Amino acid sequence: MAPVLMYGTAACPYCQAARALFSDLGVSFEEIRVDLEPSRRQQGALEALLHTPAKGETP
């Protein structure tokens, strides 16, 4: 399985759900907390755009 890199915040309910799902499934992941490292927020947005299917959706 490809490594999972997640950009998230402590208060985001979608991030909380993703963390719980990864844990339940036994999937290891690296998380970059953009609430603790605001300078990484733009990097996360760019990564999402580059790896999102061309359906006009965001992860």
PDB file of N, CA and C in Angstrom:
ATOM      1  N   MET A   1       0.845  -1.178   0.000  1.00  0.00           N
ATOM      2  CA  MET A   1       0.000   0.000   0.000  1.00  0.00           C
ATOM      3  C   MET A   1       0.887   1.235   0.000  1.00  0.00           C
ATOM      4  N   ALA A   2       0.465   2.242  -0.753  1.00  0.00           N
ATOM      5  CA  ALA A   2       1.209   3.494  -0.818  1.00  0.00           C
ATOM      6  C   ALA A   2       1.156   4.207   0.533  1.00  0.00           C
ATOM      7  N   PRO A   3       2.212   4.932   0.872  1.00  0.00           N
ATOM      8  CA  PRO A   3       2.196   5.665   2.138  1.00  0.00           C
ATOM      9  C   PRO A   3       1.098   6.725   2.140  1.00  0.00           C
ATOM     10  N   VAL A   4       0.502   6.935   3.298  1.00  0.00           N
ATOM     11  CA  VAL A   4      -0.579   7.909   3.428  1.00  0.00           C
ATOM     12  C   VAL A   4      -0.030   9.152   4.110  1.00  0.00           C
ATOM     13  N   LEU A   5      -0.220  10.287   3.471  1.00  0.00           N
ATOM     14  CA  LEU A   5       0.163  11.574   4.025  1.00  0.00           C
ATOM     15  C   LEU A   5      -1.097  12.399   4.156  1.00  0.00           C
ATOM     16  N   MET A   6      -1.375  12.855   5.361  1.00  0.00           N
ATOM     17  CA  MET A   6      -2.609  13.587   5.628  1.00  0.00           C
ATOM     18  C   MET A   6      -2.276  14.973   6.158  1.00  0.00           C
ATOM     19  N   TYR A   7      -2.915  15.976   5.585  1.00  0.00           N
ATOM     20  CA  TYR A   7      -2.833  17.331   6.104  1.00  0.00           C
ATOM     21  C   TYR A   7      -4.116  17.565   6.883  1.00  0.00           C
ATOM     22  N   GLY A   8      -3.998  17.999   8.132  1.00  0.00           N
ATOM     23  CA  GLY A   8      -5.197  18.155   8.938  1.00  0.00           C
ATOM     24  C   GLY A   8      -5.030  19.148  10.069  1.00  0.00           C
ATOM     25  N   THR A   9      -6.119  19.295  10.810  1.00  0.00           N
ATOM     26  CA  THR A   9      -6.121  20.130  12.012  1.00  0.00           C
ATOM     27  C   THR A   9      -6.767  19.339  13.142  1.00  0.00           C
ATOM     28  N   ALA A  10      -6.575  19.813  14.349  1.00  0.00           N
ATOM     29  CA  ALA A  10      -7.145  19.126  15.507  1.00  0.00           C
ATOM     30  C   ALA A  10      -8.664  19.238  15.544  1.00  0.00           C
ATOM     31  N   ALA A  11      -9.204  20.371  15.123  1.00  0.00           N
ATOM     32  CA  ALA A  11     -10.631  20.635  15.258  1.00  0.00           C
ATOM     33  C   ALA A  11     -11.480  20.158  14.079  1.00  0.00           C
ATOM     34  N   CYS A  12     -10.866  19.772  12.983  1.00  0.00           N
ATOM     35  CA  CYS A  12     -11.608  19.386  11.779  1.00  0.00           C
ATOM     36  C   CYS A  12     -12.297  18.034  11.983  1.00  0.00           C
ATOM     37  N   PRO A  13     -13.631  17.991  11.877  1.00  0.00           N
ATOM     38  CA  PRO A  13     -14.323  16.714  12.067  1.00  0.00           C
ATOM     39  C   PRO A  13     -13.996  15.683  10.989  1.00  0.00           C
ATOM     40  N   TYR A  14     -13.696  16.135   9.778  1.00  0.00           N
ATOM     41  CA  TYR A  14     -13.323  15.200   8.718  1.00  0.00           C
ATOM     42  C   TYR A  14     -11.945  14.606   8.993  1.00  0.00           C
ATOM     43  N   CYS A  15     -11.052  15.408   9.538  1.00  0.00           N
ATOM     44  CA  CYS A  15      -9.718  14.921   9.906  1.00  0.00           C
ATOM     45  C   CYS A  15      -9.823  13.910  11.042  1.00  0.00           C
ATOM     46  N   GLN A  16     -10.669  14.201  12.019  1.00  0.00           N
ATOM     47  CA  GLN A  16     -10.879  13.285  13.135  1.00  0.00           C
ATOM     48  C   GLN A  16     -11.430  11.953  12.637  1.00  0.00           C
ATOM     49  N   ALA A  17     -12.373  12.019  11.705  1.00  0.00           N
ATOM     50  CA  ALA A  17     -12.954  10.797  11.141  1.00  0.00           C
ATOM     51  C   ALA A  17     -11.900  10.020  10.345  1.00  0.00           C
ATOM     52  N   ALA A  18     -11.062  10.717   9.602  1.00  0.00           N
ATOM     53  CA  ALA A  18     -10.018  10.050   8.815  1.00  0.00           C
ATOM     54  C   ALA A  18      -9.016   9.367   9.737  1.00  0.00           C
ATOM     55  N   ARG A  19      -8.605  10.061  10.804  1.00  0.00           N
ATOM     56  CA  ARG A  19      -7.674   9.447  11.768  1.00  0.00           C
ATOM     57  C   ARG A  19      -8.271   8.170  12.353  1.00  0.00           C
ATOM     58  N   ALA A  20      -9.545   8.236  12.741  1.00  0.00           N
ATOM     59  CA  ALA A  20     -10.220   7.076  13.335  1.00  0.00           C
ATOM     60  C   ALA A  20     -10.305   5.933  12.325  1.00  0.00           C
ATOM     61  N   LEU A  21     -10.638   6.236  11.084  1.00  0.00           N
ATOM     62  CA  LEU A  21     -10.736   5.209  10.051  1.00  0.00           C
ATOM     63  C   LEU A  21      -9.385   4.549   9.814  1.00  0.00           C
ATOM     64  N   PHE A  22      -8.333   5.362   9.678  1.00  0.00           N
ATOM     65  CA  PHE A  22      -7.000   4.799   9.473  1.00  0.00           C
ATOM     66  C   PHE A  22      -6.628   3.876  10.629  1.00  0.00           C
ATOM     67  N   SER A  23      -6.907   4.315  11.841  1.00  0.00           N
ATOM     68  CA  SER A  23      -6.591   3.500  13.022  1.00  0.00           C
ATOM     69  C   SER A  23      -7.391   2.203  13.022  1.00  0.00           C
ATOM     70  N   ASP A  24      -8.689   2.292  12.737  1.00  0.00           N
ATOM     71  CA  ASP A  24      -9.538   1.094  12.703  1.00  0.00           C
ATOM     72  C   ASP A  24      -9.076   0.088  11.663  1.00  0.00           C
ATOM     73  N   LEU A  25      -8.580   0.601  10.537  1.00  0.00           N
ATOM     74  CA  LEU A  25      -8.135  -0.270   9.448  1.00  0.00           C
ATOM     75  C   LEU A  25      -6.674  -0.701   9.594  1.00  0.00           C
ATOM     76  N   GLY A  26      -5.996  -0.147  10.594  1.00  0.00           N
ATOM     77  CA  GLY A  26      -4.588  -0.481  10.784  1.00  0.00           C
ATOM     78  C   GLY A  26      -3.675   0.142   9.749  1.00  0.00           C
ATOM     79  N   VAL A  27      -4.098   1.261   9.181  1.00  0.00           N
ATOM     80  CA  VAL A  27      -3.315   1.945   8.163  1.00  0.00           C
ATOM     81  C   VAL A  27      -2.405   2.959   8.853  1.00  0.00           C
ATOM     82  N   SER A  28      -1.115   2.844   8.607  1.00  0.00           N
ATOM     83  CA  SER A  28      -0.207   3.840   9.175  1.00  0.00           C
ATOM     84  C   SER A  28      -0.228   5.078   8.278  1.00  0.00           C
ATOM     85  N   PHE A  29      -0.109   6.229   8.902  1.00  0.00           N
ATOM     86  CA  PHE A  29      -0.145   7.471   8.144  1.00  0.00           C
ATOM     87  C   PHE A  29       0.707   8.518   8.826  1.00  0.00           C
ATOM     88  N   GLU A  30       1.165   9.449   8.032  1.00  0.00           N
ATOM     89  CA  GLU A  30       1.885  10.609   8.547  1.00  0.00           C
ATOM     90  C   GLU A  30       0.927  11.789   8.450  1.00  0.00           C
ATOM     91  N   GLU A  31       0.845  12.557   9.508  1.00  0.00           N
ATOM     92  CA  GLU A  31      -0.046  13.723   9.497  1.00  0.00           C
ATOM     93  C   GLU A  31       0.754  14.995   9.666  1.00  0.00           C
ATOM     94  N   ILE A  32       0.450  15.949   8.823  1.00  0.00           N
ATOM     95  CA  ILE A  32       1.011  17.287   8.956  1.00  0.00           C
ATOM     96  C   ILE A  32      -0.104  18.172   9.480  1.00  0.00           C
ATOM     97  N   ARG A  33       0.073  18.679  10.679  1.00  0.00           N
ATOM     98  CA  ARG A  33      -0.940  19.508  11.328  1.00  0.00           C
ATOM     99  C   ARG A  33      -0.759  20.956  10.890  1.00  0.00           C
ATOM    100  N   VAL A  34      -1.617  21.398   9.992  1.00  0.00           N
ATOM    101  CA  VAL A  34      -1.494  22.761   9.472  1.00  0.00           C
ATOM    102  C   VAL A  34      -1.942  23.808  10.495  1.00  0.00           C
ATOM    103  N   ASP A  35      -2.631  23.376  11.562  1.00  0.00           N
ATOM    104  CA  ASP A  35      -2.932  24.333  12.621  1.00  0.00           C
ATOM    105  C   ASP A  35      -1.696  24.606  13.477  1.00  0.00           C
ATOM    106  N   LEU A  36      -0.758  23.669  13.501  1.00  0.00           N
ATOM    107  CA  LEU A  36       0.492  23.855  14.236  1.00  0.00           C
ATOM    108  C   LEU A  36       1.612  24.380  13.343  1.00  0.00           C
ATOM    109  N   GLU A  37       1.490  24.116  12.047  1.00  0.00           N
ATOM    110  CA  GLU A  37       2.476  24.571  11.061  1.00  0.00           C
ATOM    111  C   GLU A  37       1.750  25.284   9.921  1.00  0.00           C
ATOM    112  N   PRO A  38       1.267  26.509  10.152  1.00  0.00           N
ATOM    113  CA  PRO A  38       0.467  27.204   9.131  1.00  0.00           C
ATOM    114  C   PRO A  38       1.174  27.360   7.784  1.00  0.00           C
ATOM    115  N   SER A  39       2.488  27.404   7.794  1.00  0.00           N
ATOM    116  CA  SER A  39       3.213  27.555   6.534  1.00  0.00           C
ATOM    117  C   SER A  39       3.054  26.335   5.631  1.00  0.00           C
ATOM    118  N   ARG A  40       2.641  25.201   6.180  1.00  0.00           N
ATOM    119  CA  ARG A  40       2.473  23.980   5.388  1.00  0.00           C
ATOM    120  C   ARG A  40       1.089  23.895   4.743  1.00  0.00           C
ATOM    121  N   ARG A  41       0.158  24.807   5.101  1.00  0.00           N
ATOM    122  CA  ARG A  41      -1.208  24.768   4.556  1.00  0.00           C
ATOM    123  C   ARG A  41      -1.203  24.875   3.037  1.00  0.00           C
ATOM    124  N   GLN A  42      -0.429  25.806   2.499  1.00  0.00           N
ATOM    125  CA  GLN A  42      -0.389  25.980   1.047  1.00  0.00           C
ATOM    126  C   GLN A  42       0.183  24.734   0.378  1.00  0.00           C
ATOM    127  N   GLN A  43       1.184  24.118   0.982  1.00  0.00           N
ATOM    128  CA  GLN A  43       1.761  22.888   0.435  1.00  0.00           C
ATOM    129  C   GLN A  43       0.702  21.786   0.378  1.00  0.00           C
ATOM    130  N   GLY A  44      -0.123  21.670   1.412  1.00  0.00           N
ATOM    131  CA  GLY A  44      -1.178  20.664   1.434  1.00  0.00           C
ATOM    132  C   GLY A  44      -2.211  20.897   0.351  1.00  0.00           C
ATOM    133  N   ALA A  45      -2.566  22.165   0.132  1.00  0.00           N
ATOM    134  CA  ALA A  45      -3.541  22.488  -0.914  1.00  0.00           C
ATOM    135  C   ALA A  45      -2.986  22.129  -2.288  1.00  0.00           C
ATOM    136  N   LEU A  46      -1.721  22.409  -2.510  1.00  0.00           N
ATOM    137  CA  LEU A  46      -1.105  22.085  -3.798  1.00  0.00           C
ATOM    138  C   LEU A  46      -1.054  20.572  -4.002  1.00  0.00           C
ATOM    139  N   GLU A  47      -0.665  19.827  -2.961  1.00  0.00           N
ATOM    140  CA  GLU A  47      -0.643  18.360  -3.060  1.00  0.00           C
ATOM    141  C   GLU A  47      -2.029  17.823  -3.408  1.00  0.00           C
ATOM    142  N   ALA A  48      -3.058  18.367  -2.773  1.00  0.00           N
ATOM    143  CA  ALA A  48      -4.422  17.904  -3.034  1.00  0.00           C
ATOM    144  C   ALA A  48      -4.813  18.151  -4.483  1.00  0.00           C
ATOM    145  N   LEU A  49      -4.473  19.306  -5.003  1.00  0.00           N
ATOM    146  CA  LEU A  49      -4.815  19.618  -6.398  1.00  0.00           C
ATOM    147  C   LEU A  49      -4.080  18.702  -7.372  1.00  0.00           C
ATOM    148  N   LEU A  50      -2.838  18.400  -7.062  1.00  0.00           N
ATOM    149  CA  LEU A  50      -2.049  17.570  -7.973  1.00  0.00           C
ATOM    150  C   LEU A  50      -2.483  16.108  -7.957  1.00  0.00           C
ATOM    151  N   HIS A  51      -3.100  15.651  -6.871  1.00  0.00           N
ATOM    152  CA  HIS A  51      -3.445  14.238  -6.736  1.00  0.00           C
ATOM    153  C   HIS A  51      -4.944  13.974  -6.709  1.00  0.00           C
ATOM    154  N   THR A  52      -5.743  14.937  -7.098  1.00  0.00           N
ATOM    155  CA  THR A  52      -7.190  14.783  -7.113  1.00  0.00           C
ATOM    156  C   THR A  52      -7.653  14.437  -8.519  1.00  0.00           C
ATOM    157  N   PRO A  53      -8.518  13.446  -8.656  1.00  0.00           N
ATOM    158  CA  PRO A  53      -9.066  13.147  -9.982  1.00  0.00           C
ATOM    159  C   PRO A  53      -9.752  14.379 -10.584  1.00  0.00           C
ATOM    160  N   ALA A  54      -9.786  14.445 -11.862  1.00  0.00           N
ATOM    161  CA  ALA A  54     -10.321  15.627 -12.557  1.00  0.00           C
ATOM    162  C   ALA A  54     -11.839  15.671 -12.548  1.00  0.00           C
ATOM    163  N   LYS A  55     -12.450  15.479 -11.399  1.00  0.00           N
ATOM    164  CA  LYS A  55     -13.897  15.537 -11.280  1.00  0.00           C
ATOM    165  C   LYS A  55     -14.344  16.846 -10.671  1.00  0.00           C
ATOM    166  N   GLY A  56     -13.407  17.717 -10.359  1.00  0.00           N
ATOM    167  CA  GLY A  56     -13.745  18.956  -9.703  1.00  0.00           C
ATOM    168  C   GLY A  56     -13.979  18.773  -8.205  1.00  0.00           C
ATOM    169  N   GLU A  57     -13.556  17.635  -7.658  1.00  0.00           N
ATOM    170  CA  GLU A  57     -13.739  17.370  -6.236  1.00  0.00           C
ATOM    171  C   GLU A  57     -12.415  17.604  -5.514  1.00  0.00           C
ATOM    172  N   THR A  58     -12.509  17.810  -4.231  1.00  0.00           N
ATOM    173  CA  THR A  58     -11.318  17.863  -3.402  1.00  0.00           C
ATOM    174  C   THR A  58     -11.394  16.744  -2.388  1.00  0.00           C
ATOM    175  N   PRO A  59     -10.242  16.309  -1.909  1.00  0.00           N
ATOM    176  CA  PRO A  59     -10.248  15.218  -0.941  1.00  0.00           C
ATOM    177  C   PRO A  59     -10.818  15.658   0.398  1.00  0.00           C
TER     178      PRO A  59
END
